[in-house]
Amino acid sequence: MTPTHIEHIGIAVRNLESAIGFYERILGLKCHKIEELPDQKVRAAFFRIDRITIELLEPVDNDGPVARFLEKKGEGMHHIAFAVDDLEKSLNEMGEKGIRLIDTVPRRGAGCMDIAFIHPESAGGVLVELCEKRNEK
């Protein structure tokens, strides 16, 4: 498995509107979409810089993973996501190599992507997401 590029960087925030304001007013970026992801218990705002997306994540449920992250670590980088050509194959290869996976099968993510997470324990303390563009017919 070799990633094709960095797909996005996920940043946990307590207040999405305030964080969007910083990225738009101070950095001059444009939020091109806000999406609610009920299964991940977050609202997400998206900014593009060349081929990389910045994904701001605000919890909508105090029991969700981003809410727990904010409680433990505060605002900041939550994860880095790498694009792969074959997500299922990549997960199988990692599992065979003894990599601890949070997701052993792909699931739906934002922006027509299938996603899966690698546990930080296997990735030097960093939550790593693998993404593959979903073929929607």
N, C-alpha and C. Protein backbone atom coordinates (compact mmCIF):
# COMPACT_ATOMS: atom_id res chain seq x y z
N MET A 1 0.84 -1.19 0.00
CA MET A 1 0.00 0.00 0.00
C MET A 1 0.87 1.24 0.00
N THR A 2 0.61 2.12 -0.94
CA THR A 2 1.29 3.41 -0.99
C THR A 2 0.24 4.50 -1.19
N PRO A 3 0.17 5.45 -0.27
CA PRO A 3 -0.79 6.55 -0.45
C PRO A 3 -0.47 7.34 -1.71
N THR A 4 -1.52 7.89 -2.34
CA THR A 4 -1.31 8.71 -3.54
C THR A 4 -1.07 10.17 -3.18
N HIS A 5 -1.65 10.61 -2.06
CA HIS A 5 -1.45 11.99 -1.61
C HIS A 5 -2.10 12.17 -0.24
N ILE A 6 -1.81 13.30 0.40
CA ILE A 6 -2.52 13.66 1.62
C ILE A 6 -3.88 14.19 1.17
N GLU A 7 -4.93 13.54 1.64
CA GLU A 7 -6.29 13.92 1.23
C GLU A 7 -6.78 15.09 2.08
N HIS A 8 -6.63 14.97 3.40
CA HIS A 8 -7.03 16.09 4.25
C HIS A 8 -6.37 15.99 5.62
N ILE A 9 -6.47 17.10 6.33
CA ILE A 9 -6.03 17.18 7.71
C ILE A 9 -7.26 17.55 8.53
N GLY A 10 -7.58 16.73 9.52
CA GLY A 10 -8.74 16.96 10.37
C GLY A 10 -8.34 17.72 11.63
N ILE A 11 -9.07 18.78 11.93
CA ILE A 11 -8.79 19.62 13.09
C ILE A 11 -10.04 19.68 13.96
N ALA A 12 -9.90 19.31 15.22
CA ALA A 12 -11.02 19.34 16.16
C ALA A 12 -11.18 20.76 16.71
N VAL A 13 -12.43 21.26 16.66
CA VAL A 13 -12.73 22.60 17.17
C VAL A 13 -13.98 22.53 18.04
N ARG A 14 -14.07 23.45 18.97
CA ARG A 14 -15.26 23.49 19.83
C ARG A 14 -16.41 24.25 19.17
N ASN A 15 -16.07 25.27 18.38
CA ASN A 15 -17.09 26.11 17.76
C ASN A 15 -16.77 26.27 16.28
N LEU A 16 -17.56 25.63 15.44
CA LEU A 16 -17.30 25.61 14.01
C LEU A 16 -17.35 27.01 13.39
N GLU A 17 -18.35 27.81 13.75
CA GLU A 17 -18.48 29.14 13.15
C GLU A 17 -17.28 30.02 13.48
N SER A 18 -16.83 29.97 14.72
CA SER A 18 -15.66 30.75 15.11
C SER A 18 -14.42 30.30 14.35
N ALA A 19 -14.24 29.00 14.23
CA ALA A 19 -13.07 28.47 13.52
C ALA A 19 -13.13 28.82 12.03
N ILE A 20 -14.32 28.74 11.44
CA ILE A 20 -14.48 29.12 10.02
C ILE A 20 -14.07 30.57 9.85
N GLY A 21 -14.48 31.42 10.79
CA GLY A 21 -14.12 32.84 10.73
C GLY A 21 -12.62 33.06 10.66
N PHE A 22 -11.87 32.32 11.47
CA PHE A 22 -10.41 32.46 11.45
C PHE A 22 -9.87 32.06 10.08
N TYR A 23 -10.27 30.92 9.56
CA TYR A 23 -9.74 30.44 8.28
C TYR A 23 -10.13 31.36 7.12
N GLU A 24 -11.33 31.96 7.19
CA GLU A 24 -11.75 32.86 6.11
C GLU A 24 -11.16 34.27 6.26
N ARG A 25 -11.33 34.87 7.44
CA ARG A 25 -10.89 36.27 7.63
C ARG A 25 -9.38 36.39 7.73
N ILE A 26 -8.74 35.52 8.46
CA ILE A 26 -7.31 35.67 8.71
C ILE A 26 -6.45 34.99 7.64
N LEU A 27 -6.83 33.78 7.24
CA LEU A 27 -6.03 33.05 6.26
C LEU A 27 -6.49 33.28 4.82
N GLY A 28 -7.69 33.86 4.66
CA GLY A 28 -8.18 34.16 3.32
C GLY A 28 -8.69 32.95 2.56
N LEU A 29 -8.98 31.85 3.25
CA LEU A 29 -9.52 30.67 2.60
C LEU A 29 -11.04 30.77 2.54
N LYS A 30 -11.66 29.96 1.69
CA LYS A 30 -13.12 29.97 1.55
C LYS A 30 -13.67 28.60 1.93
N CYS A 31 -14.60 28.61 2.88
CA CYS A 31 -15.29 27.37 3.26
C CYS A 31 -16.21 27.01 2.10
N HIS A 32 -15.99 25.85 1.50
CA HIS A 32 -16.80 25.49 0.34
C HIS A 32 -17.93 24.53 0.66
N LYS A 33 -17.95 24.00 1.90
CA LYS A 33 -19.04 23.08 2.25
C LYS A 33 -19.04 22.85 3.75
N ILE A 34 -20.24 22.72 4.30
CA ILE A 34 -20.42 22.26 5.68
C ILE A 34 -21.31 21.03 5.59
N GLU A 35 -20.92 19.98 6.27
CA GLU A 35 -21.64 18.72 6.19
C GLU A 35 -21.78 18.12 7.58
N GLU A 36 -22.96 17.60 7.89
CA GLU A 36 -23.15 16.89 9.15
C GLU A 36 -22.94 15.40 8.88
N LEU A 37 -22.16 14.77 9.77
CA LEU A 37 -21.86 13.34 9.66
C LEU A 37 -22.38 12.66 10.91
N PRO A 38 -23.67 12.28 10.90
CA PRO A 38 -24.32 11.74 12.11
C PRO A 38 -23.61 10.51 12.69
N ASP A 39 -23.14 9.62 11.83
CA ASP A 39 -22.49 8.41 12.35
C ASP A 39 -21.17 8.72 13.04
N GLN A 40 -20.54 9.86 12.69
CA GLN A 40 -19.30 10.27 13.35
C GLN A 40 -19.56 11.32 14.43
N LYS A 41 -20.81 11.75 14.55
CA LYS A 41 -21.26 12.70 15.58
C LYS A 41 -20.53 14.04 15.49
N VAL A 42 -20.37 14.53 14.23
CA VAL A 42 -19.71 15.81 14.01
C VAL A 42 -20.39 16.59 12.90
N ARG A 43 -20.13 17.90 12.91
CA ARG A 43 -20.36 18.78 11.76
C ARG A 43 -18.98 19.13 11.25
N ALA A 44 -18.83 19.15 9.94
CA ALA A 44 -17.52 19.41 9.36
C ALA A 44 -17.59 20.54 8.36
N ALA A 45 -16.58 21.39 8.38
CA ALA A 45 -16.43 22.46 7.39
C ALA A 45 -15.16 22.17 6.60
N PHE A 46 -15.21 22.46 5.29
CA PHE A 46 -14.13 22.08 4.40
C PHE A 46 -13.54 23.27 3.67
N PHE A 47 -12.22 23.31 3.62
CA PHE A 47 -11.44 24.34 2.91
C PHE A 47 -10.43 23.61 2.02
N ARG A 48 -10.22 24.12 0.81
CA ARG A 48 -9.23 23.51 -0.09
C ARG A 48 -8.00 24.40 -0.20
N ILE A 49 -6.84 23.75 -0.18
CA ILE A 49 -5.58 24.41 -0.48
C ILE A 49 -4.88 23.49 -1.46
N ASP A 50 -4.87 23.85 -2.71
CA ASP A 50 -4.33 23.01 -3.77
C ASP A 50 -5.06 21.66 -3.73
N ARG A 51 -4.36 20.57 -3.49
CA ARG A 51 -4.98 19.24 -3.50
C ARG A 51 -5.38 18.78 -2.10
N ILE A 52 -5.07 19.56 -1.08
CA ILE A 52 -5.33 19.15 0.30
C ILE A 52 -6.55 19.90 0.85
N THR A 53 -7.34 19.17 1.60
CA THR A 53 -8.51 19.76 2.26
C THR A 53 -8.20 19.91 3.75
N ILE A 54 -8.61 21.02 4.31
CA ILE A 54 -8.61 21.20 5.76
C ILE A 54 -10.05 20.92 6.19
N GLU A 55 -10.20 20.01 7.14
CA GLU A 55 -11.51 19.59 7.62
C GLU A 55 -11.64 19.98 9.09
N LEU A 56 -12.49 20.96 9.38
CA LEU A 56 -12.74 21.36 10.76
C LEU A 56 -13.87 20.49 11.30
N LEU A 57 -13.69 19.94 12.48
CA LEU A 57 -14.66 19.00 13.06
C LEU A 57 -15.19 19.52 14.39
N GLU A 58 -16.50 19.74 14.44
CA GLU A 58 -17.15 20.18 15.67
C GLU A 58 -18.08 19.05 16.14
N PRO A 59 -17.95 18.61 17.39
CA PRO A 59 -18.84 17.55 17.86
C PRO A 59 -20.28 18.03 17.97
N VAL A 60 -21.21 17.13 17.66
CA VAL A 60 -22.63 17.43 17.84
C VAL A 60 -23.22 16.54 18.93
N ASP A 61 -22.38 15.72 19.53
CA ASP A 61 -22.80 14.80 20.58
C ASP A 61 -21.63 14.67 21.55
N ASN A 62 -21.89 14.85 22.83
CA ASN A 62 -20.82 14.79 23.84
C ASN A 62 -20.21 13.40 23.98
N ASP A 63 -20.84 12.40 23.39
CA ASP A 63 -20.35 11.03 23.48
C ASP A 63 -19.56 10.61 22.25
N GLY A 64 -19.39 11.50 21.28
CA GLY A 64 -18.70 11.15 20.05
C GLY A 64 -17.18 11.18 20.20
N PRO A 65 -16.47 10.61 19.23
CA PRO A 65 -15.01 10.55 19.31
C PRO A 65 -14.33 11.93 19.30
N VAL A 66 -14.86 12.88 18.55
CA VAL A 66 -14.24 14.21 18.52
C VAL A 66 -14.49 14.93 19.84
N ALA A 67 -15.67 14.76 20.42
CA ALA A 67 -15.95 15.35 21.73
C ALA A 67 -15.00 14.79 22.78
N ARG A 68 -14.77 13.49 22.74
CA ARG A 68 -13.83 12.87 23.70
C ARG A 68 -12.41 13.37 23.47
N PHE A 69 -12.03 13.54 22.20
CA PHE A 69 -10.71 14.08 21.87
C PHE A 69 -10.55 15.48 22.46
N LEU A 70 -11.56 16.34 22.24
CA LEU A 70 -11.51 17.71 22.77
C LEU A 70 -11.40 17.72 24.29
N GLU A 71 -12.12 16.82 24.94
CA GLU A 71 -12.08 16.73 26.40
C GLU A 71 -10.69 16.37 26.90
N LYS A 72 -10.04 15.45 26.22
CA LYS A 72 -8.71 14.97 26.64
C LYS A 72 -7.58 15.89 26.21
N LYS A 73 -7.64 16.38 24.95
CA LYS A 73 -6.48 17.06 24.37
C LYS A 73 -6.72 18.51 23.99
N GLY A 74 -7.99 18.93 23.96
CA GLY A 74 -8.29 20.29 23.54
C GLY A 74 -8.29 20.41 22.02
N GLU A 75 -8.50 21.63 21.55
CA GLU A 75 -8.57 21.86 20.12
C GLU A 75 -7.21 21.62 19.47
N GLY A 76 -7.26 21.19 18.22
CA GLY A 76 -6.03 20.99 17.48
C GLY A 76 -6.15 19.86 16.47
N MET A 77 -5.00 19.48 15.92
CA MET A 77 -4.99 18.45 14.89
C MET A 77 -5.55 17.14 15.45
N HIS A 78 -6.55 16.62 14.76
CA HIS A 78 -7.21 15.38 15.17
C HIS A 78 -6.67 14.19 14.40
N HIS A 79 -6.51 14.34 13.07
CA HIS A 79 -6.01 13.23 12.25
C HIS A 79 -5.45 13.73 10.93
N ILE A 80 -4.70 12.86 10.29
CA ILE A 80 -4.23 13.10 8.93
C ILE A 80 -4.77 11.98 8.06
N ALA A 81 -5.26 12.34 6.89
CA ALA A 81 -5.88 11.35 6.00
C ALA A 81 -5.08 11.22 4.71
N PHE A 82 -4.82 9.99 4.34
CA PHE A 82 -4.10 9.67 3.12
C PHE A 82 -5.05 9.01 2.13
N ALA A 83 -4.98 9.42 0.87
CA ALA A 83 -5.76 8.79 -0.19
C ALA A 83 -5.04 7.53 -0.65
N VAL A 84 -5.82 6.48 -0.87
CA VAL A 84 -5.28 5.22 -1.40
C VAL A 84 -6.16 4.79 -2.58
N ASP A 85 -5.60 3.95 -3.45
CA ASP A 85 -6.35 3.49 -4.62
C ASP A 85 -7.31 2.35 -4.30
N ASP A 86 -6.97 1.54 -3.32
CA ASP A 86 -7.81 0.38 -2.98
C ASP A 86 -7.84 0.24 -1.47
N LEU A 87 -8.86 0.84 -0.85
CA LEU A 87 -8.95 0.90 0.60
C LEU A 87 -9.07 -0.48 1.23
N GLU A 88 -9.92 -1.31 0.67
CA GLU A 88 -10.11 -2.65 1.23
C GLU A 88 -8.80 -3.45 1.20
N LYS A 89 -8.10 -3.39 0.10
CA LYS A 89 -6.82 -4.09 -0.03
C LYS A 89 -5.80 -3.52 0.97
N SER A 90 -5.79 -2.21 1.12
CA SER A 90 -4.86 -1.56 2.05
C SER A 90 -5.12 -2.02 3.48
N LEU A 91 -6.40 -2.12 3.86
CA LEU A 91 -6.74 -2.57 5.21
C LEU A 91 -6.32 -4.03 5.41
N ASN A 92 -6.53 -4.86 4.41
CA ASN A 92 -6.12 -6.26 4.51
C ASN A 92 -4.61 -6.38 4.69
N GLU A 93 -3.85 -5.61 3.90
CA GLU A 93 -2.39 -5.63 4.01
C GLU A 93 -1.93 -5.19 5.40
N MET A 94 -2.54 -4.14 5.92
CA MET A 94 -2.16 -3.65 7.24
C MET A 94 -2.50 -4.67 8.32
N GLY A 95 -3.68 -5.26 8.22
CA GLY A 95 -4.07 -6.28 9.18
C GLY A 95 -3.10 -7.45 9.18
N GLU A 96 -2.67 -7.86 7.99
CA GLU A 96 -1.70 -8.95 7.87
C GLU A 96 -0.36 -8.58 8.50
N LYS A 97 -0.04 -7.30 8.53
CA LYS A 97 1.23 -6.83 9.10
C LYS A 97 1.11 -6.55 10.60
N GLY A 98 -0.06 -6.83 11.17
CA GLY A 98 -0.25 -6.64 12.60
C GLY A 98 -0.57 -5.21 13.02
N ILE A 99 -0.96 -4.37 12.07
CA ILE A 99 -1.31 -2.99 12.38
C ILE A 99 -2.68 -2.99 13.06
N ARG A 100 -2.79 -2.26 14.16
CA ARG A 100 -4.06 -2.17 14.87
C ARG A 100 -4.99 -1.21 14.13
N LEU A 101 -6.12 -1.72 13.69
CA LEU A 101 -7.09 -0.95 12.92
C LEU A 101 -8.30 -0.61 13.78
N ILE A 102 -8.79 0.59 13.66
CA ILE A 102 -10.06 0.96 14.28
C ILE A 102 -11.19 0.43 13.40
N ASP A 103 -11.02 0.56 12.10
CA ASP A 103 -11.99 0.07 11.13
C ASP A 103 -11.35 -1.05 10.31
N THR A 104 -11.93 -2.23 10.37
CA THR A 104 -11.39 -3.35 9.57
C THR A 104 -12.05 -3.44 8.20
N VAL A 105 -13.15 -2.72 8.03
CA VAL A 105 -13.80 -2.61 6.72
C VAL A 105 -14.11 -1.14 6.47
N PRO A 106 -14.09 -0.72 5.21
CA PRO A 106 -14.38 0.68 4.89
C PRO A 106 -15.80 1.07 5.30
N ARG A 107 -15.96 2.37 5.62
CA ARG A 107 -17.28 2.92 5.91
C ARG A 107 -17.39 4.27 5.20
N ARG A 108 -18.61 4.77 5.13
CA ARG A 108 -18.84 6.04 4.43
C ARG A 108 -18.29 7.21 5.24
N GLY A 109 -17.61 8.09 4.53
CA GLY A 109 -17.13 9.32 5.12
C GLY A 109 -17.70 10.50 4.38
N ALA A 110 -17.19 11.66 4.65
CA ALA A 110 -17.66 12.88 3.99
C ALA A 110 -17.18 12.94 2.55
N GLY A 111 -17.86 13.73 1.76
CA GLY A 111 -17.39 14.05 0.42
C GLY A 111 -17.22 12.87 -0.51
N CYS A 112 -18.15 11.94 -0.53
CA CYS A 112 -18.09 10.78 -1.43
C CYS A 112 -16.84 9.93 -1.24
N MET A 113 -16.39 9.83 0.00
CA MET A 113 -15.21 9.03 0.31
C MET A 113 -15.61 7.83 1.17
N ASP A 114 -14.93 6.72 0.95
CA ASP A 114 -14.96 5.61 1.89
C ASP A 114 -13.73 5.77 2.75
N ILE A 115 -13.86 5.49 4.04
CA ILE A 115 -12.78 5.78 4.98
C ILE A 115 -12.55 4.61 5.93
N ALA A 116 -11.40 4.62 6.56
CA ALA A 116 -11.08 3.69 7.64
C ALA A 116 -9.93 4.31 8.44
N PHE A 117 -9.96 4.06 9.75
CA PHE A 117 -8.94 4.64 10.63
C PHE A 117 -7.98 3.58 11.14
N ILE A 118 -6.73 4.00 11.27
CA ILE A 118 -5.67 3.20 11.88
C ILE A 118 -5.49 3.73 13.30
N HIS A 119 -5.39 2.84 14.25
CA HIS A 119 -5.26 3.25 15.65
C HIS A 119 -3.94 4.00 15.86
N PRO A 120 -3.96 5.09 16.63
CA PRO A 120 -2.73 5.84 16.89
C PRO A 120 -1.61 4.99 17.50
N GLU A 121 -1.99 3.95 18.22
CA GLU A 121 -1.01 3.06 18.83
C GLU A 121 -0.07 2.44 17.79
N SER A 122 -0.56 2.24 16.59
CA SER A 122 0.25 1.64 15.52
C SER A 122 0.87 2.68 14.61
N ALA A 123 0.60 3.96 14.85
CA ALA A 123 1.05 5.01 13.93
C ALA A 123 1.79 6.13 14.65
N GLY A 124 2.58 5.78 15.63
CA GLY A 124 3.39 6.78 16.31
C GLY A 124 2.59 7.83 17.05
N GLY A 125 1.40 7.46 17.54
CA GLY A 125 0.58 8.39 18.30
C GLY A 125 -0.33 9.28 17.46
N VAL A 126 -0.32 9.08 16.14
CA VAL A 126 -1.14 9.89 15.24
C VAL A 126 -2.32 9.06 14.76
N LEU A 127 -3.52 9.65 14.83
CA LEU A 127 -4.69 9.00 14.25
C LEU A 127 -4.59 9.17 12.74
N VAL A 128 -4.53 8.05 12.02
CA VAL A 128 -4.38 8.08 10.57
C VAL A 128 -5.67 7.56 9.94
N GLU A 129 -6.15 8.29 8.95
CA GLU A 129 -7.32 7.89 8.19
C GLU A 129 -6.88 7.55 6.77
N LEU A 130 -7.42 6.48 6.24
CA LEU A 130 -7.22 6.14 4.83
C LEU A 130 -8.52 6.41 4.10
N CYS A 131 -8.43 6.98 2.90
CA CYS A 131 -9.62 7.39 2.14
C CYS A 131 -9.52 6.88 0.71
N GLU A 132 -10.68 6.54 0.17
CA GLU A 132 -10.77 6.19 -1.24
C GLU A 132 -12.03 6.84 -1.80
N LYS A 133 -11.90 7.50 -2.93
CA LYS A 133 -13.07 8.13 -3.58
C LYS A 133 -14.05 7.03 -3.93
N ARG A 134 -15.30 7.20 -3.49
CA ARG A 134 -16.35 6.22 -3.74
C ARG A 134 -16.84 6.32 -5.16
N ASN A 135 -16.99 5.20 -5.81
CA ASN A 135 -17.58 5.17 -7.16
C ASN A 135 -19.08 5.11 -7.03
N GLU A 136 -19.73 6.24 -7.23
CA GLU A 136 -21.19 6.30 -7.10
C GLU A 136 -21.79 6.20 -8.49
N LYS A 137 -22.76 5.36 -8.61
CA LYS A 137 -23.37 5.13 -9.92
C LYS A 137 -24.73 5.75 -9.99
